[in-house]
Amino acid sequence: MKRFALYVYSLFVLFIIYLILILSYATLTDYQPEDFKIISTQKIGDDYLKIDSFYQVLNWNIGYAGLGEESDFFYDGGKQARTTKVNVKKNLKGIEGLLQQMSSIDFILFQELDIKSKRSYYINQLYRFDSLLMDHQAFFTYNLHVDFIPKPFLDPIGYVRSGLASFCRTKAFQVEVHQYPSSYDWPRSCLMLDRCILVKRFKTEDKKEFILINNHNSAFDKGQLKKSEMAYLKDFILKEYNAGNYVLVGGDFNQCPPNFDPKIFNEDSDYMRTYISADFMPDDWQWLYDSTIPTNRQMLSYYEHGVTNTTLIDYYLASPNIEVQEVKCLNMDFKFSDHQPVYLAFKFNGQK
């Protein structure tokens, strides 16, 4: 009996030492988004955007090609930490298929794109997409840069390099990364995403700037992180608009847009009932989404059409001086990601 007790005690001590080492290393190597990478410089078209032309944008959280229709995820109540390599390759092929169809699109915004991660079998997704989008200039910034995520204990996520990527057919004259001034408490902050925005600035023919922002707000929080992030974003974009610029934000907001009722998709569900308040932005700002098709699904288990809870958290926010021609969700029935791509066509109306 004493020997068994000593054995259990030794295991407990080893586990505590393991935790101390993991957290100490994570703290010492904690990454903060502060820079971006120019992945490629190929481009076509002009060095500025025209006022009388329509431009197209595609926004998609690809879930690092690891969260397709056959997957669940432990953070969302499921069991898996990662799917199989066969499924990752299947998802990548599907994502690339859409990119090949839409290779002429002007701007593409990705969230949760892996460069080198255990969870996606160390496939460099950025360079694969860049090889397909030869007419685009690619920019990337990390927002998850952790050497070892120890959860779940028996099958840890491990090494992750992931972030935001933007592909642009018109030359950006300036690119910036702004980290949101909010984070989880230590030690969770060392292992979670460091939320930020990837900002591209383009010249317009009326001598203004077009500010295109790739955004990914916090998930798995009780709302305080998103509240702080949205306050920062609001202040940033209002300053740009008041300076006379055109502003468009696209991304995964991880919250429903104002006045949207998710019960459209799930009558008996309260999945993702976090909202942006109706008075958050001035009345003339535009929340742009397709209310007929969900953009995100719950990851409790594999996807079943009409059964799995769905919601809408991927969309755009545009300044009043942008004129919208069309916004639509491209319904892929969540085959390749737990999110769906959202398309937007717009032009500048020249006001302010």
Protein backbone atom coordinates (compact mmCIF):
# COMPACT_ATOMS: atom_id res chain seq x y z
CA MET A 1 0.00 0.00 0.00
CA LYS A 2 2.83 2.38 0.87
CA ARG A 3 4.55 1.56 -2.40
CA PHE A 4 1.38 2.35 -4.35
CA ALA A 5 0.96 5.64 -2.46
CA LEU A 6 4.58 6.53 -3.23
CA TYR A 7 3.96 5.72 -6.90
CA VAL A 8 0.91 7.98 -7.06
CA TYR A 9 2.75 10.74 -5.22
CA SER A 10 5.70 10.48 -7.64
CA LEU A 11 3.36 10.75 -10.62
CA PHE A 12 1.75 13.82 -9.08
CA VAL A 13 5.13 15.47 -8.50
CA LEU A 14 6.22 14.70 -12.06
CA PHE A 15 2.97 16.19 -13.39
CA ILE A 16 3.51 19.40 -11.38
CA ILE A 17 7.10 19.65 -12.67
CA TYR A 18 5.77 19.11 -16.21
CA LEU A 19 3.27 21.95 -15.79
CA ILE A 20 5.90 24.28 -14.33
CA LEU A 21 8.29 23.60 -17.22
CA ILE A 22 5.57 24.03 -19.85
CA LEU A 23 4.25 27.30 -18.39
CA SER A 24 7.74 28.69 -17.78
CA TYR A 25 8.76 27.99 -21.37
CA ALA A 26 5.49 29.38 -22.73
CA THR A 27 5.94 32.56 -20.68
CA LEU A 28 9.53 33.08 -21.81
CA THR A 29 8.66 32.54 -25.47
CA ASP A 30 5.31 34.34 -25.50
CA TYR A 31 4.90 35.97 -28.93
CA GLN A 32 3.23 39.32 -29.55
CA PRO A 33 2.04 40.29 -33.07
CA GLU A 34 4.15 43.17 -34.23
CA ASP A 35 5.17 42.57 -37.81
CA PHE A 36 4.04 41.18 -41.13
CA LYS A 37 5.69 39.29 -43.95
CA ILE A 38 5.57 40.16 -47.62
CA ILE A 39 5.35 36.67 -49.06
CA SER A 40 5.25 37.59 -52.74
CA THR A 41 5.39 40.73 -54.82
CA GLN A 42 3.69 39.62 -58.03
CA LYS A 43 0.91 41.95 -59.04
CA ILE A 44 -1.11 43.16 -62.00
CA GLY A 45 -3.16 46.28 -62.56
CA ASP A 46 -2.56 49.81 -61.38
CA ASP A 47 -0.86 51.21 -58.32
CA TYR A 48 -4.14 52.84 -57.33
CA LEU A 49 -7.85 52.01 -57.21
CA LYS A 50 -10.38 53.65 -59.52
CA ILE A 51 -13.49 55.40 -58.28
CA ASP A 52 -15.84 54.19 -61.02
CA SER A 53 -14.86 50.49 -60.87
CA PHE A 54 -16.32 47.68 -58.79
CA TYR A 55 -13.92 45.57 -56.74
CA GLN A 56 -14.38 42.12 -55.24
CA VAL A 57 -13.43 40.73 -51.84
CA LEU A 58 -13.54 37.22 -50.45
CA ASN A 59 -13.34 36.63 -46.70
CA TRP A 60 -12.87 33.15 -45.20
CA ASN A 61 -11.77 31.62 -41.91
CA ILE A 62 -10.42 28.34 -43.30
CA GLY A 63 -9.99 26.68 -39.88
CA TYR A 64 -6.39 25.72 -40.80
CA ALA A 65 -7.89 23.08 -43.12
CA GLY A 66 -8.48 20.94 -40.05
CA LEU A 67 -12.14 21.56 -39.28
CA GLY A 68 -14.10 20.15 -42.19
CA GLU A 69 -17.49 18.46 -42.21
CA GLU A 70 -16.21 15.25 -40.59
CA SER A 71 -14.54 17.00 -37.62
CA ASP A 72 -15.39 18.10 -34.11
CA PHE A 73 -13.20 20.13 -31.75
CA PHE A 74 -12.54 19.69 -28.04
CA TYR A 75 -12.66 23.43 -27.26
CA ASP A 76 -16.21 23.55 -28.63
CA GLY A 77 -17.39 20.51 -26.69
CA GLY A 78 -16.20 17.82 -29.10
CA LYS A 79 -13.42 15.27 -28.67
CA GLN A 80 -10.79 15.86 -31.35
CA ALA A 81 -7.64 17.95 -31.05
CA ARG A 82 -6.93 17.41 -34.73
CA THR A 83 -8.30 15.48 -37.65
CA THR A 84 -6.45 13.03 -39.90
CA LYS A 85 -3.90 14.03 -42.52
CA VAL A 86 -6.24 12.62 -45.18
CA ASN A 87 -8.95 15.04 -44.06
CA VAL A 88 -6.54 18.01 -43.98
CA LYS A 89 -5.49 17.26 -47.54
CA LYS A 90 -9.14 16.89 -48.59
CA ASN A 91 -9.99 20.27 -47.02
CA LEU A 92 -7.00 21.98 -48.62
CA LYS A 93 -7.98 20.61 -52.02
CA GLY A 94 -11.49 22.00 -51.59
CA ILE A 95 -10.23 25.42 -50.49
CA GLU A 96 -7.80 25.55 -53.39
CA GLY A 97 -10.59 24.56 -55.76
CA LEU A 98 -12.53 27.67 -54.81
CA LEU A 99 -9.41 29.84 -55.11
CA GLN A 100 -8.81 28.54 -58.62
CA GLN A 101 -12.37 29.48 -59.56
CA MET A 102 -11.96 32.96 -58.05
CA SER A 103 -8.33 33.66 -58.86
CA SER A 104 -9.24 37.00 -60.47
CA ILE A 105 -10.81 38.38 -57.29
CA ASP A 106 -9.19 41.62 -56.12
CA PHE A 107 -8.77 40.99 -52.39
CA ILE A 108 -8.82 37.77 -50.37
CA LEU A 109 -8.79 37.74 -46.56
CA PHE A 110 -8.00 34.54 -44.65
CA GLN A 111 -8.12 33.80 -40.95
CA GLU A 112 -6.67 30.71 -39.23
CA LEU A 113 -4.18 29.95 -41.97
CA ASP A 114 -1.34 27.66 -40.85
CA ILE A 115 2.24 28.01 -41.98
CA LYS A 116 3.75 25.21 -39.92
CA SER A 117 1.66 23.44 -37.32
CA LYS A 118 1.30 19.93 -35.92
CA ARG A 119 -2.49 20.18 -36.16
CA SER A 120 -2.31 20.57 -39.96
CA TYR A 121 0.63 18.21 -40.45
CA TYR A 122 3.17 21.00 -41.02
CA ILE A 123 1.79 21.86 -44.45
CA ASN A 124 2.61 25.43 -45.42
CA GLN A 125 -0.81 26.61 -46.54
CA LEU A 126 0.35 30.14 -47.26
CA TYR A 127 2.85 29.13 -49.92
CA ARG A 128 0.37 26.69 -51.46
CA PHE A 129 -2.21 29.46 -51.84
CA ASP A 130 0.43 31.91 -53.05
CA SER A 131 1.37 29.53 -55.85
CA LEU A 132 -2.27 29.58 -57.01
CA LEU A 133 -2.74 33.34 -56.74
CA MET A 134 0.17 34.39 -58.93
CA ASP A 135 -1.31 37.83 -59.68
CA HIS A 136 -1.63 38.76 -56.01
CA GLN A 137 0.70 40.26 -53.46
CA ALA A 138 0.52 38.26 -50.23
CA PHE A 139 0.84 39.52 -46.66
CA PHE A 140 0.84 37.45 -43.49
CA THR A 141 1.04 38.07 -39.75
CA TYR A 142 1.10 35.55 -36.91
CA ASN A 143 -1.59 35.63 -34.26
CA LEU A 144 -0.86 32.17 -32.86
CA HIS A 145 2.84 31.47 -32.41
CA VAL A 146 3.33 28.82 -29.73
CA ASP A 147 5.95 26.07 -29.57
CA PHE A 148 3.85 23.72 -27.49
CA ILE A 149 0.17 23.86 -26.55
CA PRO A 150 -0.24 21.11 -23.92
CA LYS A 151 -4.00 20.71 -24.28
CA PRO A 152 -5.61 18.23 -24.44
CA PHE A 153 -3.24 16.32 -22.15
CA LEU A 154 -3.32 12.95 -23.95
CA ASP A 155 -3.15 14.41 -27.46
CA PRO A 156 -1.67 17.92 -27.19
CA ILE A 157 -2.07 20.41 -30.03
CA GLY A 158 1.66 21.06 -29.78
CA TYR A 159 3.56 23.31 -32.19
CA VAL A 160 1.49 26.01 -33.95
CA ARG A 161 2.36 28.76 -36.40
CA SER A 162 -0.83 30.39 -37.69
CA GLY A 163 -2.28 33.78 -38.51
CA LEU A 164 -3.98 36.23 -40.86
CA ALA A 165 -3.21 36.33 -44.58
CA SER A 166 -4.29 38.84 -47.20
CA PHE A 167 -3.88 38.53 -50.98
CA CYS A 168 -4.20 41.72 -53.04
CA ARG A 169 -4.10 42.35 -56.80
CA THR A 170 -3.49 46.07 -56.35
CA LYS A 171 -0.26 47.23 -54.75
CA ALA A 172 -0.56 48.22 -51.09
CA PHE A 173 1.68 51.19 -50.37
CA GLN A 174 1.68 50.51 -46.63
CA VAL A 175 0.88 47.50 -44.42
CA GLU A 176 0.46 47.57 -40.64
CA VAL A 177 -0.23 45.13 -37.82
CA HIS A 178 -2.07 46.43 -34.76
CA GLN A 179 -2.39 44.16 -31.75
CA TYR A 180 -5.60 44.45 -29.79
CA PRO A 181 -5.04 45.78 -26.23
CA SER A 182 -6.66 42.78 -24.54
CA SER A 183 -5.70 39.26 -23.62
CA TYR A 184 -6.54 36.35 -21.37
CA ASP A 185 -5.05 36.22 -17.90
CA TRP A 186 -1.73 34.42 -17.42
CA PRO A 187 -0.97 31.61 -18.10
CA ARG A 188 -3.77 31.15 -20.64
CA SER A 189 -2.55 34.22 -22.51
CA CYS A 190 0.68 32.38 -23.40
CA LEU A 191 -1.21 29.59 -25.16
CA MET A 192 -4.10 31.40 -26.87
CA LEU A 193 -4.31 33.58 -29.96
CA ASP A 194 -2.88 37.10 -29.74
CA ARG A 195 -5.65 38.97 -31.53
CA CYS A 196 -4.70 41.66 -34.01
CA ILE A 197 -5.72 43.32 -37.27
CA LEU A 198 -3.79 43.26 -40.54
CA VAL A 199 -4.22 46.66 -42.21
CA LYS A 200 -3.49 47.36 -45.89
CA ARG A 201 -3.45 50.88 -47.34
CA PHE A 202 -4.11 51.50 -51.03
CA LYS A 203 -4.06 54.71 -53.04
CA THR A 204 -7.26 55.79 -54.81
CA GLU A 205 -7.46 57.97 -57.89
CA ASP A 206 -9.18 60.75 -55.93
CA LYS A 207 -6.03 61.01 -53.77
CA LYS A 208 -7.54 59.31 -50.74
CA GLU A 209 -6.73 55.97 -49.16
CA PHE A 210 -8.61 52.70 -49.10
CA ILE A 211 -8.08 50.99 -45.74
CA LEU A 212 -8.71 47.23 -45.94
CA ILE A 213 -8.64 45.42 -42.60
CA ASN A 214 -8.40 41.68 -41.97
CA ASN A 215 -9.94 41.04 -38.55
CA HIS A 216 -10.32 38.05 -36.20
CA ASN A 217 -11.91 38.69 -32.81
CA SER A 218 -11.63 36.56 -29.69
CA ALA A 219 -13.56 33.36 -29.15
CA PHE A 220 -14.18 31.32 -25.99
CA ASP A 221 -14.35 34.44 -23.81
CA LYS A 222 -17.30 35.82 -21.86
CA GLY A 223 -17.49 38.94 -23.98
CA GLN A 224 -15.02 41.27 -22.28
CA LEU A 225 -12.18 40.61 -24.71
CA LYS A 226 -14.41 41.18 -27.73
CA LYS A 227 -15.76 44.34 -26.11
CA SER A 228 -12.26 45.75 -25.70
CA GLU A 229 -11.24 44.70 -29.20
CA MET A 230 -14.30 46.24 -30.82
CA ALA A 231 -13.77 49.51 -28.96
CA TYR A 232 -10.21 49.63 -30.33
CA LEU A 233 -11.40 48.78 -33.85
CA LYS A 234 -14.13 51.42 -33.73
CA ASP A 235 -11.70 54.14 -32.68
CA PHE A 236 -9.25 53.11 -35.41
CA ILE A 237 -11.71 53.04 -38.30
CA LEU A 238 -13.54 56.23 -37.30
CA LYS A 239 -10.24 58.10 -37.30
CA GLU A 240 -9.48 56.79 -40.78
CA TYR A 241 -12.92 57.71 -42.09
CA ASN A 242 -12.83 61.17 -40.52
CA ALA A 243 -9.49 61.69 -42.29
CA GLY A 244 -11.39 61.25 -45.55
CA ASN A 245 -10.47 57.63 -46.29
CA TYR A 246 -12.52 54.63 -47.41
CA VAL A 247 -12.67 51.82 -44.82
CA LEU A 248 -13.64 48.17 -45.15
CA VAL A 249 -13.28 45.56 -42.40
CA GLY A 250 -13.71 41.88 -43.21
CA GLY A 251 -13.23 38.89 -41.00
CA ASP A 252 -14.42 36.49 -38.36
CA PHE A 253 -15.97 38.73 -35.71
CA ASN A 254 -16.90 35.78 -33.47
CA GLN A 255 -20.19 37.54 -32.70
CA CYS A 256 -23.40 38.14 -34.59
CA PRO A 257 -23.87 41.49 -36.37
CA PRO A 258 -26.38 44.05 -35.03
CA ASN A 259 -30.06 43.16 -35.33
CA PHE A 260 -29.37 39.66 -36.59
CA ASP A 261 -31.44 36.80 -35.18
CA PRO A 262 -29.57 33.44 -35.32
CA LYS A 263 -32.84 31.60 -34.73
CA ILE A 264 -33.32 32.01 -38.48
CA PHE A 265 -31.02 29.00 -38.77
CA ASN A 266 -31.74 27.20 -35.47
CA GLU A 267 -35.17 27.86 -34.03
CA ASP A 268 -34.48 26.17 -30.69
CA SER A 269 -30.81 27.08 -30.30
CA ASP A 270 -28.99 29.91 -28.55
CA TYR A 271 -25.67 29.06 -30.22
CA MET A 272 -23.47 32.16 -30.54
CA ARG A 273 -25.96 34.57 -29.04
CA THR A 274 -23.26 37.23 -28.55
CA TYR A 275 -24.21 40.37 -30.46
CA ILE A 276 -22.75 43.69 -31.47
CA SER A 277 -25.14 46.34 -30.22
CA ALA A 278 -27.26 48.17 -32.78
CA ASP A 279 -25.86 51.56 -31.77
CA PHE A 280 -22.21 50.46 -31.78
CA MET A 281 -21.38 52.38 -34.98
CA PRO A 282 -22.96 55.56 -36.41
CA ASP A 283 -26.14 54.83 -38.38
CA ASP A 284 -24.57 55.43 -41.79
CA TRP A 285 -21.97 52.69 -41.36
CA GLN A 286 -22.86 49.42 -43.09
CA TRP A 287 -22.89 45.90 -41.64
CA LEU A 288 -22.73 43.67 -44.72
CA TYR A 289 -23.77 40.02 -44.65
CA ASP A 290 -25.99 37.44 -46.30
CA SER A 291 -28.75 36.67 -43.80
CA THR A 292 -29.97 33.62 -45.75
CA ILE A 293 -26.92 31.37 -45.23
CA PRO A 294 -24.97 30.63 -42.01
CA THR A 295 -21.23 31.21 -41.95
CA ASN A 296 -20.23 29.18 -38.90
CA ARG A 297 -21.21 25.85 -37.38
CA GLN A 298 -20.92 24.30 -33.93
CA MET A 299 -18.15 21.73 -33.46
CA LEU A 300 -19.73 19.37 -30.92
CA SER A 301 -19.64 16.59 -33.50
CA TYR A 302 -19.39 16.06 -37.26
CA TYR A 303 -21.60 18.27 -39.45
CA GLU A 304 -25.15 17.20 -40.28
CA HIS A 305 -27.15 19.53 -42.50
CA GLY A 306 -30.30 20.66 -40.73
CA VAL A 307 -29.15 19.16 -37.42
CA THR A 308 -25.90 20.91 -36.48
CA ASN A 309 -26.32 24.35 -34.90
CA THR A 310 -25.19 27.19 -37.16
CA THR A 311 -24.88 30.95 -36.92
CA LEU A 312 -23.51 34.03 -38.73
CA ILE A 313 -20.28 35.62 -37.46
CA ASP A 314 -18.31 36.28 -40.68
CA TYR A 315 -19.13 39.52 -42.51
CA TYR A 316 -17.99 43.04 -43.40
CA LEU A 317 -18.22 46.53 -41.92
CA ALA A 318 -17.98 49.39 -44.44
CA SER A 319 -17.73 53.15 -44.13
CA PRO A 320 -20.57 55.31 -45.59
CA ASN A 321 -18.49 56.29 -48.62
CA ILE A 322 -18.43 52.71 -49.93
CA GLU A 323 -21.21 51.60 -52.26
CA VAL A 324 -22.16 47.92 -52.12
CA GLN A 325 -23.20 46.02 -55.23
CA GLU A 326 -23.53 42.53 -53.76
CA VAL A 327 -22.78 40.51 -50.64
CA LYS A 328 -23.33 36.77 -50.47
CA CYS A 329 -22.20 33.73 -48.53
CA LEU A 330 -20.83 30.98 -50.77
CA ASN A 331 -22.62 27.92 -49.46
CA MET A 332 -20.18 25.01 -49.32
CA ASP A 333 -22.20 23.19 -46.63
CA PHE A 334 -19.18 23.33 -44.29
CA LYS A 335 -17.33 20.63 -46.25
CA PHE A 336 -13.86 22.16 -45.86
CA SER A 337 -14.06 24.43 -42.80
CA ASP A 338 -16.30 25.23 -39.86
CA HIS A 339 -16.73 28.64 -41.54
CA GLN A 340 -18.03 29.59 -44.98
CA PRO A 341 -16.56 32.19 -47.37
CA VAL A 342 -18.33 35.53 -47.81
CA TYR A 343 -18.12 37.47 -51.09
CA LEU A 344 -18.51 41.24 -51.49
CA ALA A 345 -18.58 43.52 -54.55
CA PHE A 346 -18.24 47.26 -53.92
CA LYS A 347 -17.04 50.58 -55.26
CA PHE A 348 -16.16 53.98 -53.85
CA ASN A 349 -18.87 56.61 -54.02
CA GLY A 350 -16.48 59.53 -53.61
CA GLN A 351 -18.28 61.15 -50.66
CA LYS A 352 -16.30 62.66 -47.81
